[in-house]
Amino acid sequence: MAQPDLELLGRVIKTFREQARPERVSQFRLATLLGWQGTAPIVEIEKGRRHPRPETLTAVGEALRLSPADIAYLHGLAGYRPVTVLPPLDQVARVLRAIEPDLARRPYPVQVLDYQFRHWMLNAATAALVDGSLATLEELLRRGVHGFDVVFDSRLPTRQQLADPEAVERERLFRFKSHNLYRRHEPFYLEYPERIRARLLPADYARFAACWAETEVGTEPVFPVHPQLTVRLGSQDLTFEVHMIELLQLDRLLYIGYFEPRDDGDGNRQRCEAYFAEHTPTRDTCVTSWESHS
């Protein structure tokens, strides 16, 4: 189980209460809805001085009309929900090795990431996004390049090739928050913005922090099931749909993102085929990094 963070729990409950719809709920109103005599328990909870029981948190959430995910978040901050644990490394590697031949043969980029957006495996076609260099791809994985690095880090060639990087940033953050909706209480999530700071230049981090604060799951428009991505490769723009497939064998904690050319009736697929046939290095295995996750 996660360690309780009563101070943060109190702040979150206060925020939920003050942002309640259709109108703000006062401490007195919340106490009335809960059938409590006086506001003292609510004051103590919001100040982080009382550890509420699970049934109390559920009652508070229902009184404030919170979603099941938000109620689960309160339970997690109180220490009543488990922390996510990846399967043993040998099990992860065994599953990835089993699917590696199929991913290696695909003519377009394929990425295997986990719920924290760490890269585990990339196929050779992904090298076309970094000037066709397998050495560059291997070096990026060796350095532990992250799913947010590739879209926020202005030093990396991947971001420089995005036709609309700001849209990709918003979509990537929305997917991260959606994927981890029931893990918001976990240490990795709570530490996330600060951990990313060390990976980015100050201007890049400022853009990440602003996007993180603005992206709220449930208030943003729903993104398409298959996000669209346009990259500038050579002298042309190539558009892909990125299909997300969760790996059931690994408790849905890792997933595959594979690129598929968009059929737009304007020759996009033919341009993609021609470019990747010319620029994909010859290799019948993927570039892997799971040793670094041990």
Protein backbone atom coordinates (compact mmCIF):
# COMPACT_ATOMS: atom_id res chain seq x y z
CA MET A 1 0.00 0.00 0.00
CA ALA A 2 1.02 3.61 -0.51
CA GLN A 3 2.06 5.62 2.51
CA PRO A 4 -0.68 8.06 3.58
CA ASP A 5 -0.10 11.71 2.75
CA LEU A 6 -2.61 13.39 5.03
CA GLU A 7 -1.45 16.92 4.26
CA LEU A 8 -1.95 16.46 0.53
CA LEU A 9 -5.20 14.57 1.14
CA GLY A 10 -6.54 17.53 3.09
CA ARG A 11 -5.57 20.00 0.38
CA VAL A 12 -7.16 17.83 -2.32
CA ILE A 13 -10.43 17.47 -0.41
CA LYS A 14 -10.52 21.23 0.14
CA THR A 15 -9.92 21.83 -3.57
CA PHE A 16 -12.64 19.35 -4.55
CA ARG A 17 -15.02 21.00 -2.09
CA GLU A 18 -14.33 24.51 -3.33
CA GLN A 19 -14.57 23.45 -6.98
CA ALA A 20 -17.76 21.43 -6.51
CA ARG A 21 -20.51 21.90 -9.08
CA PRO A 22 -23.01 23.35 -9.59
CA GLU A 23 -21.74 25.56 -6.74
CA ARG A 24 -19.00 25.68 -4.12
CA VAL A 25 -19.71 23.55 -1.04
CA SER A 26 -18.88 25.16 2.30
CA GLN A 27 -17.50 23.17 5.21
CA PHE A 28 -20.83 23.62 6.96
CA ARG A 29 -22.74 22.38 3.91
CA LEU A 30 -20.49 19.33 3.59
CA ALA A 31 -20.96 18.50 7.28
CA THR A 32 -24.72 18.74 6.79
CA LEU A 33 -24.62 16.45 3.75
CA LEU A 34 -22.64 13.92 5.77
CA GLY A 35 -24.98 14.15 8.75
CA TRP A 36 -22.18 15.33 11.04
CA GLN A 37 -22.63 17.56 14.06
CA GLY A 38 -20.41 20.55 13.32
CA THR A 39 -17.50 21.16 10.98
CA ALA A 40 -14.65 20.18 13.32
CA PRO A 41 -13.96 16.79 11.61
CA ILE A 42 -13.83 18.43 8.17
CA VAL A 43 -11.51 21.15 9.41
CA GLU A 44 -9.20 18.55 10.92
CA ILE A 45 -9.19 16.45 7.75
CA GLU A 46 -8.50 19.43 5.49
CA LYS A 47 -5.61 20.51 7.73
CA GLY A 48 -4.10 17.03 7.51
CA ARG A 49 -4.53 16.33 11.21
CA ARG A 50 -7.00 13.44 10.94
CA HIS A 51 -6.74 10.14 9.07
CA PRO A 52 -10.27 9.47 7.73
CA ARG A 53 -11.54 5.91 7.39
CA PRO A 54 -12.25 4.49 3.90
CA GLU A 55 -16.02 4.75 4.37
CA THR A 56 -15.62 8.41 5.38
CA LEU A 57 -13.69 9.20 2.20
CA THR A 58 -16.31 7.47 0.09
CA ALA A 59 -19.06 9.45 1.80
CA VAL A 60 -17.17 12.72 1.26
CA GLY A 61 -16.64 11.88 -2.40
CA GLU A 62 -20.28 11.01 -2.96
CA ALA A 63 -21.42 14.17 -1.17
CA LEU A 64 -19.19 16.23 -3.48
CA ARG A 65 -20.37 14.23 -6.53
CA LEU A 66 -16.85 13.10 -7.37
CA SER A 67 -16.12 10.52 -10.03
CA PRO A 68 -15.09 6.97 -9.04
CA ALA A 69 -11.54 7.83 -10.10
CA ASP A 70 -11.45 10.90 -7.85
CA ILE A 71 -12.81 8.91 -4.91
CA ALA A 72 -10.13 6.28 -5.56
CA TYR A 73 -7.57 9.12 -5.55
CA LEU A 74 -8.69 10.12 -2.05
CA HIS A 75 -8.39 6.50 -0.90
CA GLY A 76 -4.91 6.32 -2.39
CA LEU A 77 -3.71 9.49 -0.67
CA ALA A 78 -5.02 8.06 2.60
CA GLY A 79 -2.91 4.93 2.04
CA TYR A 80 -5.75 2.52 1.24
CA ARG A 81 -4.79 1.70 -2.36
CA PRO A 82 -1.78 -0.35 -3.55
CA VAL A 83 1.23 0.96 -5.40
CA THR A 84 1.69 -0.38 -8.94
CA VAL A 85 4.44 -2.97 -9.31
CA LEU A 86 5.69 -4.17 -12.67
CA PRO A 87 5.94 -7.94 -13.18
CA PRO A 88 9.41 -9.41 -12.59
CA LEU A 89 11.97 -8.27 -15.12
CA ASP A 90 12.47 -11.76 -16.55
CA GLN A 91 8.72 -12.01 -17.21
CA VAL A 92 8.69 -8.62 -18.95
CA ALA A 93 11.69 -9.60 -21.07
CA ARG A 94 10.14 -12.96 -21.95
CA VAL A 95 6.94 -11.32 -23.23
CA LEU A 96 8.85 -8.67 -25.17
CA ARG A 97 11.15 -11.22 -26.77
CA ALA A 98 8.11 -13.20 -27.89
CA ILE A 99 6.66 -10.23 -29.79
CA GLU A 100 9.99 -8.80 -30.93
CA PRO A 101 10.20 -10.60 -34.32
CA ASP A 102 6.81 -9.26 -35.41
CA LEU A 103 7.60 -5.70 -34.28
CA ALA A 104 11.04 -5.82 -35.89
CA ARG A 105 9.50 -6.66 -39.27
CA ARG A 106 7.09 -3.74 -39.28
CA PRO A 107 8.07 -1.11 -41.87
CA TYR A 108 7.10 1.84 -39.67
CA PRO A 109 8.11 2.95 -36.15
CA VAL A 110 7.06 0.84 -33.18
CA GLN A 111 7.63 1.80 -29.55
CA VAL A 112 7.05 -0.23 -26.39
CA LEU A 113 6.56 1.94 -23.30
CA ASP A 114 5.37 1.35 -19.75
CA TYR A 115 2.83 3.24 -17.67
CA GLN A 116 5.52 5.72 -16.59
CA PHE A 117 6.34 6.39 -20.27
CA ARG A 118 9.76 4.71 -20.10
CA HIS A 119 10.90 3.13 -23.36
CA TRP A 120 11.59 -0.61 -23.36
CA MET A 121 11.88 -1.53 -27.05
CA LEU A 122 12.03 0.22 -30.43
CA ASN A 123 12.16 -1.28 -33.90
CA ALA A 124 14.69 -0.30 -36.54
CA ALA A 125 12.16 1.79 -38.48
CA THR A 126 12.09 4.20 -35.52
CA ALA A 127 15.65 5.16 -36.47
CA ALA A 128 14.20 6.99 -39.48
CA LEU A 129 12.94 9.57 -36.97
CA VAL A 130 16.53 10.27 -35.87
CA ASP A 131 18.21 10.67 -39.24
CA GLY A 132 18.17 6.94 -39.97
CA SER A 133 20.89 6.24 -37.41
CA LEU A 134 20.65 3.06 -35.35
CA ALA A 135 23.64 4.29 -33.34
CA THR A 136 21.69 7.41 -32.35
CA LEU A 137 18.65 5.30 -31.44
CA GLU A 138 20.75 2.97 -29.32
CA GLU A 139 22.44 5.91 -27.60
CA LEU A 140 19.10 7.52 -26.77
CA LEU A 141 17.87 4.29 -25.20
CA ARG A 142 21.14 3.86 -23.33
CA ARG A 143 20.64 7.34 -21.87
CA GLY A 144 17.11 6.39 -20.83
CA VAL A 145 15.27 8.72 -23.21
CA HIS A 146 11.74 9.16 -21.98
CA GLY A 147 8.36 9.42 -23.67
CA PHE A 148 8.16 13.11 -22.76
CA ASP A 149 11.76 13.86 -23.75
CA VAL A 150 10.97 13.10 -27.39
CA VAL A 151 8.21 15.72 -27.55
CA PHE A 152 9.37 18.41 -25.07
CA ASP A 153 13.17 18.35 -25.36
CA SER A 154 14.12 20.88 -28.03
CA ARG A 155 17.61 19.33 -28.26
CA LEU A 156 16.32 16.04 -29.67
CA PRO A 157 15.73 15.58 -33.40
CA THR A 158 12.33 13.97 -32.79
CA ARG A 159 10.73 17.18 -31.51
CA GLN A 160 12.30 19.25 -34.26
CA GLN A 161 10.54 17.06 -36.84
CA LEU A 162 7.02 17.46 -35.42
CA ALA A 163 4.79 19.57 -37.64
CA ASP A 164 2.66 20.69 -34.66
CA PRO A 165 4.70 19.99 -31.50
CA GLU A 166 2.32 21.81 -29.15
CA ALA A 167 -0.58 19.62 -30.20
CA VAL A 168 1.55 16.50 -29.68
CA GLU A 169 2.58 17.76 -26.23
CA ARG A 170 -1.05 18.21 -25.17
CA GLU A 171 -2.06 14.82 -26.55
CA ARG A 172 0.88 13.04 -24.90
CA LEU A 173 0.12 14.56 -21.50
CA PHE A 174 -3.58 13.79 -21.84
CA ARG A 175 -2.79 10.15 -22.57
CA PHE A 176 -0.35 9.92 -19.68
CA LYS A 177 -2.88 11.32 -17.21
CA SER A 178 -5.68 9.18 -18.65
CA HIS A 179 -3.57 6.02 -18.48
CA ASN A 180 -2.65 6.76 -14.86
CA LEU A 181 -6.00 8.06 -13.68
CA TYR A 182 -6.10 5.52 -10.84
CA ARG A 183 -2.40 5.97 -9.96
CA ARG A 184 -2.40 9.67 -9.09
CA HIS A 185 -1.69 8.83 -5.44
CA GLU A 186 1.48 6.93 -6.23
CA PRO A 187 4.93 8.42 -5.55
CA PHE A 188 6.04 8.31 -9.20
CA TYR A 189 3.02 10.38 -10.24
CA LEU A 190 3.22 12.91 -7.40
CA GLU A 191 6.93 13.42 -8.09
CA TYR A 192 6.51 13.51 -11.85
CA PRO A 193 6.69 17.22 -12.70
CA GLU A 194 9.74 17.74 -10.49
CA ARG A 195 11.48 14.64 -11.85
CA ILE A 196 11.03 15.89 -15.40
CA ARG A 197 12.67 19.23 -14.50
CA ALA A 198 16.14 17.69 -14.42
CA ARG A 199 15.67 16.18 -17.89
CA LEU A 200 14.80 19.39 -19.74
CA LEU A 201 16.20 22.82 -20.45
CA PRO A 202 14.50 25.56 -18.39
CA ALA A 203 12.41 26.82 -21.31
CA ASP A 204 11.35 23.30 -22.25
CA TYR A 205 10.46 22.51 -18.64
CA ALA A 206 8.41 25.70 -18.34
CA ARG A 207 6.41 24.54 -21.34
CA PHE A 208 5.99 21.08 -19.80
CA ALA A 209 4.90 22.46 -16.42
CA ALA A 210 2.33 24.77 -18.03
CA CYS A 211 0.95 21.94 -20.16
CA TRP A 212 0.84 19.63 -17.11
CA ALA A 213 -1.16 22.20 -15.14
CA GLU A 214 -3.56 22.90 -18.00
CA THR A 215 -4.25 19.28 -18.96
CA GLU A 216 -7.03 17.85 -16.83
CA VAL A 217 -8.61 14.54 -17.78
CA GLY A 218 -12.37 14.97 -17.87
CA THR A 219 -12.33 18.65 -18.85
CA GLU A 220 -10.30 18.42 -22.07
CA PRO A 221 -11.99 17.34 -25.30
CA VAL A 222 -11.66 13.59 -25.80
CA PHE A 223 -8.75 12.79 -28.06
CA PRO A 224 -9.20 10.31 -30.90
CA VAL A 225 -8.58 6.65 -30.21
CA HIS A 226 -5.73 6.71 -32.72
CA PRO A 227 -3.86 10.04 -32.39
CA GLN A 228 -2.62 11.59 -35.59
CA LEU A 229 1.01 12.62 -35.92
CA THR A 230 2.62 14.56 -38.73
CA VAL A 231 6.42 14.57 -38.96
CA ARG A 232 8.70 16.43 -41.34
CA LEU A 233 11.15 13.94 -42.80
CA GLY A 234 13.43 15.14 -45.53
CA SER A 235 11.48 17.67 -47.57
CA GLN A 236 8.00 16.27 -46.94
CA ASP A 237 5.36 15.96 -44.24
CA LEU A 238 4.29 12.40 -43.47
CA THR A 239 1.15 11.72 -41.44
CA PHE A 240 0.58 8.67 -39.24
CA GLU A 241 -2.02 7.33 -36.93
CA VAL A 242 -0.48 5.90 -33.74
CA HIS A 243 -2.27 2.78 -32.54
CA MET A 244 -2.01 1.98 -28.82
CA ILE A 245 -2.17 -1.69 -27.82
CA GLU A 246 -1.97 -2.68 -24.14
CA LEU A 247 -0.07 -5.85 -23.34
CA LEU A 248 -2.54 -7.98 -21.41
CA GLN A 249 0.22 -10.46 -20.53
CA LEU A 250 1.87 -7.69 -18.48
CA ASP A 251 -1.20 -6.47 -16.59
CA ARG A 252 -1.73 -3.61 -19.08
CA LEU A 253 1.32 -1.86 -17.60
CA LEU A 254 3.22 -1.86 -20.89
CA TYR A 255 1.81 -1.02 -24.27
CA ILE A 256 2.81 -0.85 -27.91
CA GLY A 257 2.50 2.32 -29.93
CA TYR A 258 2.85 1.57 -33.61
CA PHE A 259 2.71 3.97 -36.53
CA GLU A 260 0.46 3.39 -39.52
CA PRO A 261 0.38 5.79 -42.52
CA ARG A 262 -2.86 7.69 -42.78
CA ASP A 263 -4.85 7.08 -45.96
CA ASP A 264 -5.75 10.62 -46.94
CA GLY A 265 -6.26 10.10 -50.67
CA ASP A 266 -3.37 12.47 -51.37
CA GLY A 267 -0.54 9.97 -51.68
CA ASN A 268 0.53 10.07 -48.04
CA ARG A 269 0.78 6.29 -47.73
CA GLN A 270 2.89 6.05 -50.90
CA ARG A 271 5.22 8.80 -49.63
CA CYS A 272 5.59 6.99 -46.29
CA GLU A 273 6.37 3.71 -48.01
CA ALA A 274 9.01 5.31 -50.21
CA TYR A 275 10.69 7.24 -47.40
CA PHE A 276 10.91 4.38 -44.90
CA ALA A 277 12.00 1.89 -47.55
CA GLU A 278 14.97 4.17 -48.23
CA HIS A 279 15.82 5.31 -44.70
CA THR A 280 15.12 2.31 -42.43
CA PRO A 281 18.34 0.52 -41.44
CA THR A 282 18.51 -3.20 -42.09
CA ARG A 283 18.04 -5.07 -38.82
CA ASP A 284 15.92 -8.09 -37.89
CA THR A 285 15.84 -7.36 -34.15
CA CYS A 286 14.63 -4.44 -32.06
CA VAL A 287 16.68 -2.06 -29.96
CA THR A 288 15.96 -2.95 -26.32
CA SER A 289 16.60 -1.28 -22.98
CA TRP A 290 14.96 -3.50 -20.39
CA GLU A 291 18.31 -4.27 -18.76
CA SER A 292 18.34 -0.66 -17.52
CA HIS A 293 15.02 -1.17 -15.72
CA SER A 294 16.38 -3.83 -13.37
